[in-house]
PDB file of N, CA and C in Angstrom:
ATOM      1  N   MET A   1      57.073  38.099  62.656  1.00  0.00           N
ATOM      2  CA  MET A   1      57.408  36.756  63.066  1.00  0.00           C
ATOM      3  C   MET A   1      56.618  36.404  64.320  1.00  0.00           C
ATOM      4  N   LYS A   2      55.981  35.240  64.297  1.00  0.00           N
ATOM      5  CA  LYS A   2      55.180  34.803  65.423  1.00  0.00           C
ATOM      6  C   LYS A   2      56.074  34.264  66.537  1.00  0.00           C
ATOM      7  N   ARG A   3      55.742  34.607  67.758  1.00  0.00           N
ATOM      8  CA  ARG A   3      56.509  34.127  68.894  1.00  0.00           C
ATOM      9  C   ARG A   3      55.780  32.964  69.536  1.00  0.00           C
ATOM     10  N   LYS A   4      56.508  31.886  69.800  1.00  0.00           N
ATOM     11  CA  LYS A   4      55.912  30.718  70.427  1.00  0.00           C
ATOM     12  C   LYS A   4      55.728  30.967  71.913  1.00  0.00           C
ATOM     13  N   PHE A   5      54.680  30.350  72.473  1.00  0.00           N
ATOM     14  CA  PHE A   5      54.428  30.434  73.900  1.00  0.00           C
ATOM     15  C   PHE A   5      55.483  29.607  74.624  1.00  0.00           C
ATOM     16  N   LEU A   6      56.137  30.186  75.595  1.00  0.00           N
ATOM     17  CA  LEU A   6      57.164  29.483  76.355  1.00  0.00           C
ATOM     18  C   LEU A   6      56.546  28.816  77.572  1.00  0.00           C
ATOM     19  N   ASN A   7      56.856  27.566  77.751  1.00  0.00           N
ATOM     20  CA  ASN A   7      56.358  26.811  78.887  1.00  0.00           C
ATOM     21  C   ASN A   7      57.524  26.573  79.846  1.00  0.00           C
ATOM     22  N   PRO A   8      57.602  27.327  80.948  1.00  0.00           N
ATOM     23  CA  PRO A   8      58.737  27.201  81.865  1.00  0.00           C
ATOM     24  C   PRO A   8      58.885  25.802  82.465  1.00  0.00           C
ATOM     25  N   LYS A   9      57.778  25.138  82.760  1.00  0.00           N
ATOM     26  CA  LYS A   9      57.835  23.794  83.345  1.00  0.00           C
ATOM     27  C   LYS A   9      58.462  22.809  82.352  1.00  0.00           C
ATOM     28  N   ALA A  10      58.024  22.828  81.107  1.00  0.00           N
ATOM     29  CA  ALA A  10      58.562  21.932  80.088  1.00  0.00           C
ATOM     30  C   ALA A  10      60.041  22.217  79.849  1.00  0.00           C
ATOM     31  N   PHE A  11      60.415  23.494  79.854  1.00  0.00           N
ATOM     32  CA  PHE A  11      61.819  23.880  79.679  1.00  0.00           C
ATOM     33  C   PHE A  11      62.666  23.339  80.819  1.00  0.00           C
ATOM     34  N   ALA A  12      62.197  23.492  82.054  1.00  0.00           N
ATOM     35  CA  ALA A  12      62.944  23.016  83.229  1.00  0.00           C
ATOM     36  C   ALA A  12      63.100  21.505  83.204  1.00  0.00           C
ATOM     37  N   ILE A  13      62.043  20.781  82.863  1.00  0.00           N
ATOM     38  CA  ILE A  13      62.098  19.319  82.819  1.00  0.00           C
ATOM     39  C   ILE A  13      63.085  18.853  81.758  1.00  0.00           C
ATOM     40  N   ALA A  14      63.042  19.432  80.568  1.00  0.00           N
ATOM     41  CA  ALA A  14      63.948  19.050  79.490  1.00  0.00           C
ATOM     42  C   ALA A  14      65.404  19.337  79.867  1.00  0.00           C
ATOM     43  N   THR A  15      65.648  20.470  80.507  1.00  0.00           N
ATOM     44  CA  THR A  15      66.997  20.836  80.920  1.00  0.00           C
ATOM     45  C   THR A  15      67.519  19.894  81.995  1.00  0.00           C
ATOM     46  N   LEU A  16      66.677  19.546  82.961  1.00  0.00           N
ATOM     47  CA  LEU A  16      67.080  18.603  84.011  1.00  0.00           C
ATOM     48  C   LEU A  16      67.386  17.225  83.428  1.00  0.00           C
ATOM     49  N   ARG A  17      66.581  16.765  82.498  1.00  0.00           N
ATOM     50  CA  ARG A  17      66.829  15.448  81.880  1.00  0.00           C
ATOM     51  C   ARG A  17      68.167  15.426  81.145  1.00  0.00           C
ATOM     52  N   ARG A  18      68.471  16.489  80.397  1.00  0.00           N
ATOM     53  CA  ARG A  18      69.762  16.554  79.692  1.00  0.00           C
ATOM     54  C   ARG A  18      70.915  16.564  80.689  1.00  0.00           C
ATOM     55  N   ALA A  19      70.783  17.318  81.765  1.00  0.00           N
ATOM     56  CA  ALA A  19      71.843  17.414  82.773  1.00  0.00           C
ATOM     57  C   ALA A  19      72.024  16.104  83.530  1.00  0.00           C
ATOM     58  N   SER A  20      70.971  15.303  83.640  1.00  0.00           N
ATOM     59  CA  SER A  20      71.047  14.064  84.418  1.00  0.00           C
ATOM     60  C   SER A  20      72.030  13.059  83.818  1.00  0.00           C
ATOM     61  N   TYR A  21      72.355  13.175  82.542  1.00  0.00           N
ATOM     62  CA  TYR A  21      73.319  12.266  81.925  1.00  0.00           C
ATOM     63  C   TYR A  21      74.731  12.497  82.465  1.00  0.00           C
ATOM     64  N   ARG A  22      74.981  13.650  83.075  1.00  0.00           N
ATOM     65  CA  ARG A  22      76.286  13.953  83.662  1.00  0.00           C
ATOM     66  C   ARG A  22      76.291  13.750  85.172  1.00  0.00           C
ATOM     67  N   TRP A  23      75.223  13.214  85.739  1.00  0.00           N
ATOM     68  CA  TRP A  23      75.095  13.006  87.178  1.00  0.00           C
ATOM     69  C   TRP A  23      76.055  11.884  87.612  1.00  0.00           C
ATOM     70  N   PRO A  24      77.040  12.136  88.504  1.00  0.00           N
ATOM     71  CA  PRO A  24      78.047  11.128  88.875  1.00  0.00           C
ATOM     72  C   PRO A  24      77.497   9.781  89.365  1.00  0.00           C
ATOM     73  N   PRO A  25      76.437   9.719  90.175  1.00  0.00           N
ATOM     74  CA  PRO A  25      75.933   8.408  90.590  1.00  0.00           C
ATOM     75  C   PRO A  25      75.457   7.542  89.423  1.00  0.00           C
ATOM     76  N   ARG A  26      75.094   8.168  88.336  1.00  0.00           N
ATOM     77  CA  ARG A  26      74.688   7.424  87.137  1.00  0.00           C
ATOM     78  C   ARG A  26      75.864   6.594  86.621  1.00  0.00           C
ATOM     79  N   ASN A  27      77.058   7.192  86.596  1.00  0.00           N
ATOM     80  CA  ASN A  27      78.252   6.472  86.153  1.00  0.00           C
ATOM     81  C   ASN A  27      78.636   5.377  87.144  1.00  0.00           C
ATOM     82  N   GLU A  28      78.406   5.616  88.432  1.00  0.00           N
ATOM     83  CA  GLU A  28      78.675   4.588  89.443  1.00  0.00           C
ATOM     84  C   GLU A  28      77.806   3.356  89.190  1.00  0.00           C
ATOM     85  N   ALA A  29      76.548   3.583  88.877  1.00  0.00           N
ATOM     86  CA  ALA A  29      75.631   2.473  88.613  1.00  0.00           C
ATOM     87  C   ALA A  29      76.058   1.692  87.374  1.00  0.00           C
ATOM     88  N   LEU A  30      76.514   2.402  86.362  1.00  0.00           N
ATOM     89  CA  LEU A  30      76.988   1.750  85.147  1.00  0.00           C
ATOM     90  C   LEU A  30      78.241   0.924  85.442  1.00  0.00           C
ATOM     91  N   ALA A  31      79.149   1.465  86.247  1.00  0.00           N
ATOM     92  CA  ALA A  31      80.374   0.749  86.607  1.00  0.00           C
ATOM     93  C   ALA A  31      80.052  -0.506  87.416  1.00  0.00           C
ATOM     94  N   ARG A  32      79.023  -0.442  88.234  1.00  0.00           N
ATOM     95  CA  ARG A  32      78.605  -1.584  89.054  1.00  0.00           C
ATOM     96  C   ARG A  32      78.184  -2.776  88.186  1.00  0.00           C
ATOM     97  N   ALA A  33      77.612  -2.503  87.027  1.00  0.00           N
ATOM     98  CA  ALA A  33      77.114  -3.562  86.152  1.00  0.00           C
ATOM     99  C   ALA A  33      78.171  -4.059  85.169  1.00  0.00           C
ATOM    100  N   ARG A  34      79.309  -3.415  85.139  1.00  0.00           N
ATOM    101  CA  ARG A  34      80.355  -3.781  84.172  1.00  0.00           C
ATOM    102  C   ARG A  34      81.015  -5.096  84.579  1.00  0.00           C
ATOM    103  N   VAL A  35      81.066  -6.035  83.629  1.00  0.00           N
ATOM    104  CA  VAL A  35      81.687  -7.337  83.854  1.00  0.00           C
ATOM    105  C   VAL A  35      83.111  -7.324  83.325  1.00  0.00           C
ATOM    106  N   SER A  36      83.275  -6.833  82.117  1.00  0.00           N
ATOM    107  CA  SER A  36      84.585  -6.662  81.505  1.00  0.00           C
ATOM    108  C   SER A  36      84.462  -5.521  80.499  1.00  0.00           C
ATOM    109  N   ARG A  37      85.525  -5.232  79.804  1.00  0.00           N
ATOM    110  CA  ARG A  37      85.517  -4.100  78.880  1.00  0.00           C
ATOM    111  C   ARG A  37      84.396  -4.244  77.845  1.00  0.00           C
ATOM    112  N   GLY A  38      83.456  -3.306  77.877  1.00  0.00           N
ATOM    113  CA  GLY A  38      82.359  -3.280  76.912  1.00  0.00           C
ATOM    114  C   GLY A  38      81.272  -4.315  77.147  1.00  0.00           C
ATOM    115  N   VAL A  39      81.322  -5.029  78.282  1.00  0.00           N
ATOM    116  CA  VAL A  39      80.330  -6.057  78.577  1.00  0.00           C
ATOM    117  C   VAL A  39      79.670  -5.741  79.923  1.00  0.00           C
ATOM    118  N   TYR A  40      78.330  -5.742  79.913  1.00  0.00           N
ATOM    119  CA  TYR A  40      77.560  -5.396  81.103  1.00  0.00           C
ATOM    120  C   TYR A  40      76.516  -6.460  81.384  1.00  0.00           C
ATOM    121  N   LYS A  41      76.176  -6.613  82.659  1.00  0.00           N
ATOM    122  CA  LYS A  41      75.199  -7.615  83.070  1.00  0.00           C
ATOM    123  C   LYS A  41      73.861  -6.939  83.361  1.00  0.00           C
ATOM    124  N   CYS A  42      72.801  -7.469  82.759  1.00  0.00           N
ATOM    125  CA  CYS A  42      71.449  -6.966  82.998  1.00  0.00           C
ATOM    126  C   CYS A  42      71.029  -7.377  84.413  1.00  0.00           C
ATOM    127  N   GLU A  43      70.537  -6.436  85.186  1.00  0.00           N
ATOM    128  CA  GLU A  43      70.124  -6.722  86.562  1.00  0.00           C
ATOM    129  C   GLU A  43      68.782  -7.450  86.623  1.00  0.00           C
ATOM    130  N   GLU A  44      68.046  -7.476  85.531  1.00  0.00           N
ATOM    131  CA  GLU A  44      66.757  -8.169  85.501  1.00  0.00           C
ATOM    132  C   GLU A  44      66.910  -9.632  85.087  1.00  0.00           C
ATOM    133  N   CYS A  45      67.469  -9.849  83.891  1.00  0.00           N
ATOM    134  CA  CYS A  45      67.543 -11.219  83.363  1.00  0.00           C
ATOM    135  C   CYS A  45      68.880 -11.899  83.639  1.00  0.00           C
ATOM    136  N   GLY A  46      69.922 -11.130  83.976  1.00  0.00           N
ATOM    137  CA  GLY A  46      71.223 -11.701  84.294  1.00  0.00           C
ATOM    138  C   GLY A  46      72.098 -12.021  83.093  1.00  0.00           C
ATOM    139  N   ASN A  47      71.637 -11.741  81.898  1.00  0.00           N
ATOM    140  CA  ASN A  47      72.423 -12.003  80.690  1.00  0.00           C
ATOM    141  C   ASN A  47      73.453 -10.902  80.468  1.00  0.00           C
ATOM    142  N   LEU A  48      74.469 -11.190  79.660  1.00  0.00           N
ATOM    143  CA  LEU A  48      75.526 -10.232  79.352  1.00  0.00           C
ATOM    144  C   LEU A  48      75.244  -9.544  78.025  1.00  0.00           C
ATOM    145  N   PHE A  49      75.523  -8.237  77.977  1.00  0.00           N
ATOM    146  CA  PHE A  49      75.234  -7.437  76.789  1.00  0.00           C
ATOM    147  C   PHE A  49      76.340  -6.431  76.543  1.00  0.00           C
ATOM    148  N   LYS A  50      76.442  -5.961  75.284  1.00  0.00           N
ATOM    149  CA  LYS A  50      77.351  -4.874  74.950  1.00  0.00           C
ATOM    150  C   LYS A  50      76.749  -3.574  75.463  1.00  0.00           C
ATOM    151  N   LYS A  51      77.570  -2.539  75.542  1.00  0.00           N
ATOM    152  CA  LYS A  51      77.118  -1.267  76.112  1.00  0.00           C
ATOM    153  C   LYS A  51      75.925  -0.670  75.362  1.00  0.00           C
ATOM    154  N   LYS A  52      75.872  -0.837  74.053  1.00  0.00           N
ATOM    155  CA  LYS A  52      74.769  -0.282  73.269  1.00  0.00           C
ATOM    156  C   LYS A  52      73.468  -1.052  73.474  1.00  0.00           C
ATOM    157  N   GLU A  53      73.556  -2.223  74.095  1.00  0.00           N
ATOM    158  CA  GLU A  53      72.369  -3.055  74.302  1.00  0.00           C
ATOM    159  C   GLU A  53      71.815  -2.954  75.716  1.00  0.00           C
ATOM    160  N   ILE A  54      72.371  -2.062  76.523  1.00  0.00           N
ATOM    161  CA  ILE A  54      71.866  -1.876  77.889  1.00  0.00           C
ATOM    162  C   ILE A  54      71.476  -0.417  78.101  1.00  0.00           C
ATOM    163  N   GLN A  55      70.632  -0.198  79.116  1.00  0.00           N
ATOM    164  CA  GLN A  55      70.223   1.156  79.475  1.00  0.00           C
ATOM    165  C   GLN A  55      70.160   1.273  80.987  1.00  0.00           C
ATOM    166  N   LEU A  56      70.371   2.478  81.461  1.00  0.00           N
ATOM    167  CA  LEU A  56      70.204   2.743  82.888  1.00  0.00           C
ATOM    168  C   LEU A  56      68.766   3.163  83.114  1.00  0.00           C
ATOM    169  N   ASP A  57      68.131   2.531  84.060  1.00  0.00           N
ATOM    170  CA  ASP A  57      66.729   2.801  84.349  1.00  0.00           C
ATOM    171  C   ASP A  57      66.590   3.170  85.819  1.00  0.00           C
ATOM    172  N   HIS A  58      65.700   4.096  86.109  1.00  0.00           N
ATOM    173  CA  HIS A  58      65.406   4.421  87.503  1.00  0.00           C
ATOM    174  C   HIS A  58      64.559   3.297  88.090  1.00  0.00           C
ATOM    175  N   ILE A  59      64.963   2.788  89.245  1.00  0.00           N
ATOM    176  CA  ILE A  59      64.198   1.723  89.896  1.00  0.00           C
ATOM    177  C   ILE A  59      62.815   2.254  90.260  1.00  0.00           C
ATOM    178  N   ASP A  60      62.783   3.413  90.876  1.00  0.00           N
ATOM    179  CA  ASP A  60      61.511   4.109  91.125  1.00  0.00           C
ATOM    180  C   ASP A  60      61.323   5.096  89.975  1.00  0.00           C
ATOM    181  N   PRO A  61      60.215   5.011  89.251  1.00  0.00           N
ATOM    182  CA  PRO A  61      60.033   5.896  88.090  1.00  0.00           C
ATOM    183  C   PRO A  61      60.164   7.374  88.452  1.00  0.00           C
ATOM    184  N   VAL A  62      60.749   8.144  87.552  1.00  0.00           N
ATOM    185  CA  VAL A  62      60.916   9.579  87.772  1.00  0.00           C
ATOM    186  C   VAL A  62      59.550  10.242  87.903  1.00  0.00           C
ATOM    187  N   VAL A  63      58.637   9.880  87.026  1.00  0.00           N
ATOM    188  CA  VAL A  63      57.250  10.317  87.144  1.00  0.00           C
ATOM    189  C   VAL A  63      56.482   9.109  87.683  1.00  0.00           C
ATOM    190  N   PRO A  64      55.994   9.198  88.930  1.00  0.00           N
ATOM    191  CA  PRO A  64      55.318   8.045  89.530  1.00  0.00           C
ATOM    192  C   PRO A  64      54.104   7.608  88.712  1.00  0.00           C
ATOM    193  N   VAL A  65      53.691   6.370  88.905  1.00  0.00           N
ATOM    194  CA  VAL A  65      52.545   5.862  88.152  1.00  0.00           C
ATOM    195  C   VAL A  65      51.276   6.640  88.481  1.00  0.00           C
ATOM    196  N   THR A  66      51.260   7.329  89.617  1.00  0.00           N
ATOM    197  CA  THR A  66      50.091   8.143  89.976  1.00  0.00           C
ATOM    198  C   THR A  66      50.098   9.495  89.268  1.00  0.00           C
ATOM    199  N   GLY A  67      51.207   9.825  88.574  1.00  0.00           N
ATOM    200  CA  GLY A  67      51.269  11.065  87.804  1.00  0.00           C
ATOM    201  C   GLY A  67      52.258  12.064  88.369  1.00  0.00           C
ATOM    202  N   PHE A  68      52.506  13.115  87.609  1.00  0.00           N
ATOM    203  CA  PHE A  68      53.451  14.169  87.984  1.00  0.00           C
ATOM    204  C   PHE A  68      52.936  14.899  89.220  1.00  0.00           C
ATOM    205  N   THR A  69      53.825  15.115  90.188  1.00  0.00           N
ATOM    206  CA  THR A  69      53.417  15.814  91.406  1.00  0.00           C
ATOM    207  C   THR A  69      53.906  17.260  91.382  1.00  0.00           C
ATOM    208  N   ASN A  70      55.221  17.456  91.477  1.00  0.00           N
ATOM    209  CA  ASN A  70      55.778  18.803  91.408  1.00  0.00           C
ATOM    210  C   ASN A  70      57.226  18.722  90.933  1.00  0.00           C
ATOM    211  N   LEU A  71      57.821  19.858  90.643  1.00  0.00           N
ATOM    212  CA  LEU A  71      59.167  19.894  90.084  1.00  0.00           C
ATOM    213  C   LEU A  71      60.219  19.442  91.094  1.00  0.00           C
ATOM    214  N   ASP A  72      60.030  19.739  92.367  1.00  0.00           N
ATOM    215  CA  ASP A  72      60.988  19.296  93.387  1.00  0.00           C
ATOM    216  C   ASP A  72      61.035  17.773  93.463  1.00  0.00           C
ATOM    217  N   ASP A  73      59.876  17.141  93.506  1.00  0.00           N
ATOM    218  CA  ASP A  73      59.795  15.685  93.561  1.00  0.00           C
ATOM    219  C   ASP A  73      60.413  15.076  92.311  1.00  0.00           C
ATOM    220  N   PHE A  74      60.132  15.658  91.165  1.00  0.00           N
ATOM    221  CA  PHE A  74      60.695  15.199  89.893  1.00  0.00           C
ATOM    222  C   PHE A  74      62.221  15.247  89.939  1.00  0.00           C
ATOM    223  N   THR A  75      62.772  16.347  90.443  1.00  0.00           N
ATOM    224  CA  THR A  75      64.224  16.528  90.501  1.00  0.00           C
ATOM    225  C   THR A  75      64.871  15.500  91.415  1.00  0.00           C
ATOM    226  N   TYR A  76      64.300  15.289  92.603  1.00  0.00           N
ATOM    227  CA  TYR A  76      64.872  14.317  93.539  1.00  0.00           C
ATOM    228  C   TYR A  76      64.790  12.896  92.997  1.00  0.00           C
ATOM    229  N   ARG A  77      63.752  12.567  92.267  1.00  0.00           N
ATOM    230  CA  ARG A  77      63.638  11.228  91.687  1.00  0.00           C
ATOM    231  C   ARG A  77      64.591  11.068  90.507  1.00  0.00           C
ATOM    232  N   LEU A  78      64.767  12.115  89.708  1.00  0.00           N
ATOM    233  CA  LEU A  78      65.640  12.062  88.546  1.00  0.00           C
ATOM    234  C   LEU A  78      67.108  11.951  88.960  1.00  0.00           C
ATOM    235  N   LEU A  79      67.507  12.736  89.936  1.00  0.00           N
ATOM    236  CA  LEU A  79      68.902  12.780  90.371  1.00  0.00           C
ATOM    237  C   LEU A  79      69.073  11.973  91.658  1.00  0.00           C
ATOM    238  N   CYS A  80      68.855  10.685  91.561  1.00  0.00           N
ATOM    239  CA  CYS A  80      68.943   9.803  92.729  1.00  0.00           C
ATOM    240  C   CYS A  80      70.382   9.318  92.920  1.00  0.00           C
ATOM    241  N   ASP A  81      70.623   8.583  94.004  1.00  0.00           N
ATOM    242  CA  ASP A  81      71.953   8.017  94.206  1.00  0.00           C
ATOM    243  C   ASP A  81      72.126   6.760  93.354  1.00  0.00           C
ATOM    244  N   ALA A  82      73.314   6.189  93.362  1.00  0.00           N
ATOM    245  CA  ALA A  82      73.634   5.059  92.481  1.00  0.00           C
ATOM    246  C   ALA A  82      72.737   3.850  92.720  1.00  0.00           C
ATOM    247  N   SER A  83      72.264   3.660  93.944  1.00  0.00           N
ATOM    248  CA  SER A  83      71.399   2.513  94.230  1.00  0.00           C
ATOM    249  C   SER A  83      69.994   2.689  93.645  1.00  0.00           C
ATOM    250  N   GLY A  84      69.681   3.868  93.150  1.00  0.00           N
ATOM    251  CA  GLY A  84      68.381   4.127  92.548  1.00  0.00           C
ATOM    252  C   GLY A  84      68.311   3.779  91.074  1.00  0.00           C
ATOM    253  N   TYR A  85      69.453   3.354  90.503  1.00  0.00           N
ATOM    254  CA  TYR A  85      69.520   2.986  89.089  1.00  0.00           C
ATOM    255  C   TYR A  85      69.653   1.479  88.931  1.00  0.00           C
ATOM    256  N   ALA A  86      69.109   0.963  87.848  1.00  0.00           N
ATOM    257  CA  ALA A  86      69.283  -0.439  87.472  1.00  0.00           C
ATOM    258  C   ALA A  86      69.791  -0.461  86.034  1.00  0.00           C
ATOM    259  N   THR A  87      70.824  -1.247  85.792  1.00  0.00           N
ATOM    260  CA  THR A  87      71.353  -1.413  84.446  1.00  0.00           C
ATOM    261  C   THR A  87      70.650  -2.618  83.844  1.00  0.00           C
ATOM    262  N   ILE A  88      69.805  -2.367  82.844  1.00  0.00           N
ATOM    263  CA  ILE A  88      69.001  -3.454  82.270  1.00  0.00           C
ATOM    264  C   ILE A  88      69.087  -3.437  80.745  1.00  0.00           C
ATOM    265  N   CYS A  89      68.855  -4.602  80.152  1.00  0.00           N
ATOM    266  CA  CYS A  89      68.923  -4.723  78.693  1.00  0.00           C
ATOM    267  C   CYS A  89      67.702  -4.041  78.061  1.00  0.00           C
ATOM    268  N   LEU A  90      67.767  -3.837  76.775  1.00  0.00           N
ATOM    269  CA  LEU A  90      66.696  -3.144  76.053  1.00  0.00           C
ATOM    270  C   LEU A  90      65.357  -3.873  76.173  1.00  0.00           C
ATOM    271  N   THR A  91      65.380  -5.210  76.118  1.00  0.00           N
ATOM    272  CA  THR A  91      64.145  -5.987  76.207  1.00  0.00           C
ATOM    273  C   THR A  91      63.505  -5.840  77.581  1.00  0.00           C
ATOM    274  N   CYS A  92      64.305  -5.978  78.632  1.00  0.00           N
ATOM    275  CA  CYS A  92      63.783  -5.836  79.996  1.00  0.00           C
ATOM    276  C   CYS A  92      63.283  -4.414  80.245  1.00  0.00           C
ATOM    277  N   HIS A  93      64.008  -3.429  79.687  1.00  0.00           N
ATOM    278  CA  HIS A  93      63.595  -2.039  79.861  1.00  0.00           C
ATOM    279  C   HIS A  93      62.256  -1.772  79.182  1.00  0.00           C
ATOM    280  N   ALA A  94      62.073  -2.321  77.979  1.00  0.00           N
ATOM    281  CA  ALA A  94      60.810  -2.143  77.263  1.00  0.00           C
ATOM    282  C   ALA A  94      59.657  -2.782  78.032  1.00  0.00           C
ATOM    283  N   THR A  95      59.900  -3.952  78.599  1.00  0.00           N
ATOM    284  CA  THR A  95      58.869  -4.641  79.375  1.00  0.00           C
ATOM    285  C   THR A  95      58.500  -3.838  80.616  1.00  0.00           C
ATOM    286  N   LYS A  96      59.507  -3.344  81.341  1.00  0.00           N
ATOM    287  CA  LYS A  96      59.267  -2.563  82.562  1.00  0.00           C
ATOM    288  C   LYS A  96      58.512  -1.270  82.240  1.00  0.00           C
ATOM    289  N   THR A  97      58.924  -0.603  81.172  1.00  0.00           N
ATOM    290  CA  THR A  97      58.269   0.637  80.770  1.00  0.00           C
ATOM    291  C   THR A  97      56.814   0.393  80.388  1.00  0.00           C
ATOM    292  N   LYS A  98      56.562  -0.689  79.675  1.00  0.00           N
ATOM    293  CA  LYS A  98      55.195  -1.014  79.268  1.00  0.00           C
ATOM    294  C   LYS A  98      54.307  -1.256  80.490  1.00  0.00           C
ATOM    295  N   MET A  99      54.841  -1.960  81.488  1.00  0.00           N
ATOM    296  CA  MET A  99      54.061  -2.210  82.714  1.00  0.00           C
ATOM    297  C   MET A  99      53.772  -0.902  83.451  1.00  0.00           C
ATOM    298  N   GLU A 100      54.763  -0.014  83.528  1.00  0.00           N
ATOM    299  CA  GLU A 100      54.567   1.271  84.201  1.00  0.00           C
ATOM    300  C   GLU A 100      53.531   2.119  83.470  1.00  0.00           C
ATOM    301  N   ASN A 101      53.593   2.139  82.146  1.00  0.00           N
ATOM    302  CA  ASN A 101      52.629   2.924  81.366  1.00  0.00           C
ATOM    303  C   ASN A 101      51.219   2.365  81.496  1.00  0.00           C
ATOM    304  N   THR A 102      51.088   1.039  81.563  1.00  0.00           N
ATOM    305  CA  THR A 102      49.774   0.419  81.778  1.00  0.00           C
ATOM    306  C   THR A 102      49.229   0.821  83.136  1.00  0.00           C
ATOM    307  N   ALA A 103      50.079   0.798  84.154  1.00  0.00           N
ATOM    308  CA  ALA A 103      49.657   1.201  85.498  1.00  0.00           C
ATOM    309  C   ALA A 103      49.237   2.669  85.523  1.00  0.00           C
ATOM    310  N   ARG A 104      49.952   3.522  84.771  1.00  0.00           N
ATOM    311  CA  ARG A 104      49.584   4.943  84.703  1.00  0.00           C
ATOM    312  C   ARG A 104      48.196   5.126  84.098  1.00  0.00           C
ATOM    313  N   LYS A 105      47.907   4.349  83.051  1.00  0.00           N
ATOM    314  CA  LYS A 105      46.597   4.458  82.399  1.00  0.00           C
ATOM    315  C   LYS A 105      45.481   4.041  83.344  1.00  0.00           C
ATOM    316  N   ILE A 106      45.745   3.003  84.133  1.00  0.00           N
ATOM    317  CA  ILE A 106      44.733   2.507  85.074  1.00  0.00           C
ATOM    318  C   ILE A 106      44.521   3.501  86.217  1.00  0.00           C
ATOM    319  N   LEU A 107      45.628   4.054  86.742  1.00  0.00           N
ATOM    320  CA  LEU A 107      45.549   4.931  87.905  1.00  0.00           C
ATOM    321  C   LEU A 107      45.327   6.398  87.570  1.00  0.00           C
ATOM    322  N   LYS A 108      45.353   6.732  86.282  1.00  0.00           N
ATOM    323  CA  LYS A 108      45.196   8.128  85.869  1.00  0.00           C
ATOM    324  C   LYS A 108      43.818   8.634  86.281  1.00  0.00           C
ATOM    325  N   PRO A 109      43.781   9.747  87.007  1.00  0.00           N
ATOM    326  CA  PRO A 109      42.471  10.289  87.386  1.00  0.00           C
ATOM    327  C   PRO A 109      41.708  10.769  86.156  1.00  0.00           C
ATOM    328  N   LYS A 110      40.439  10.452  86.137  1.00  0.00           N
ATOM    329  CA  LYS A 110      39.611  10.849  84.996  1.00  0.00           C
ATOM    330  C   LYS A 110      39.237  12.315  85.129  1.00  0.00           C
ATOM    331  N   LYS A 111      39.348  13.024  84.023  1.00  0.00           N
ATOM    332  CA  LYS A 111      39.003  14.443  84.013  1.00  0.00           C
ATOM    333  C   LYS A 111      37.492  14.584  83.936  1.00  0.00           C
ATOM    334  N   THR A 112      36.993  15.495  84.724  1.00  0.00           N
ATOM    335  CA  THR A 112      35.549  15.749  84.692  1.00  0.00           C
ATOM    336  C   THR A 112      35.293  16.942  83.787  1.00  0.00           C
ATOM    337  N   ARG A 113      34.261  16.831  83.019  1.00  0.00           N
ATOM    338  CA  ARG A 113      33.887  17.929  82.123  1.00  0.00           C
ATOM    339  C   ARG A 113      33.078  18.952  82.871  1.00  0.00           C
ATOM    340  N   LYS A 114      33.320  20.191  82.530  1.00  0.00           N
ATOM    341  CA  LYS A 114      32.541  21.271  83.115  1.00  0.00           C
ATOM    342  C   LYS A 114      31.270  21.435  82.276  1.00  0.00           C
ATOM    343  N   LYS A 115      30.167  21.511  82.953  1.00  0.00           N
ATOM    344  CA  LYS A 115      28.908  21.692  82.245  1.00  0.00           C
ATOM    345  C   LYS A 115      28.744  23.159  81.882  1.00  0.00           C
ATOM    346  N   LYS A 116      28.274  23.366  80.655  1.00  0.00           N
ATOM    347  CA  LYS A 116      28.006  24.718  80.203  1.00  0.00           C
ATOM    348  C   LYS A 116      26.671  25.176  80.775  1.00  0.00           C
ATOM    349  N   LYS A 117      26.651  26.419  81.157  1.00  0.00           N
ATOM    350  CA  LYS A 117      25.413  26.979  81.717  1.00  0.00           C
ATOM    351  C   LYS A 117      24.639  27.726  80.666  1.00  0.00           C
TER     352      LYS A 117
END
């Protein structure tokens, strides 16, 4: 049986992301946006949505537009306080994510090829 190569960094990132759903400030941010039972207000557009139509988004991206720095920085950005989250609708979240990804493509450092000798 072939053994797969284990990537400790990828394992740590995936584990931290799963654990972040139980982070107490995340629930505080969700409660802040609650208008009534099952109804939440989008912090971007101001419209009201059901719980399945909203998402919690980090105001400052977990992975900055300049790229991944280190695991400590990733952890502190992922597990921020309640003021670091924004409750936004799916449409606003898609728009924000698209802008961040475009910025990443623009700011991504170009890899230089090594010349063969």
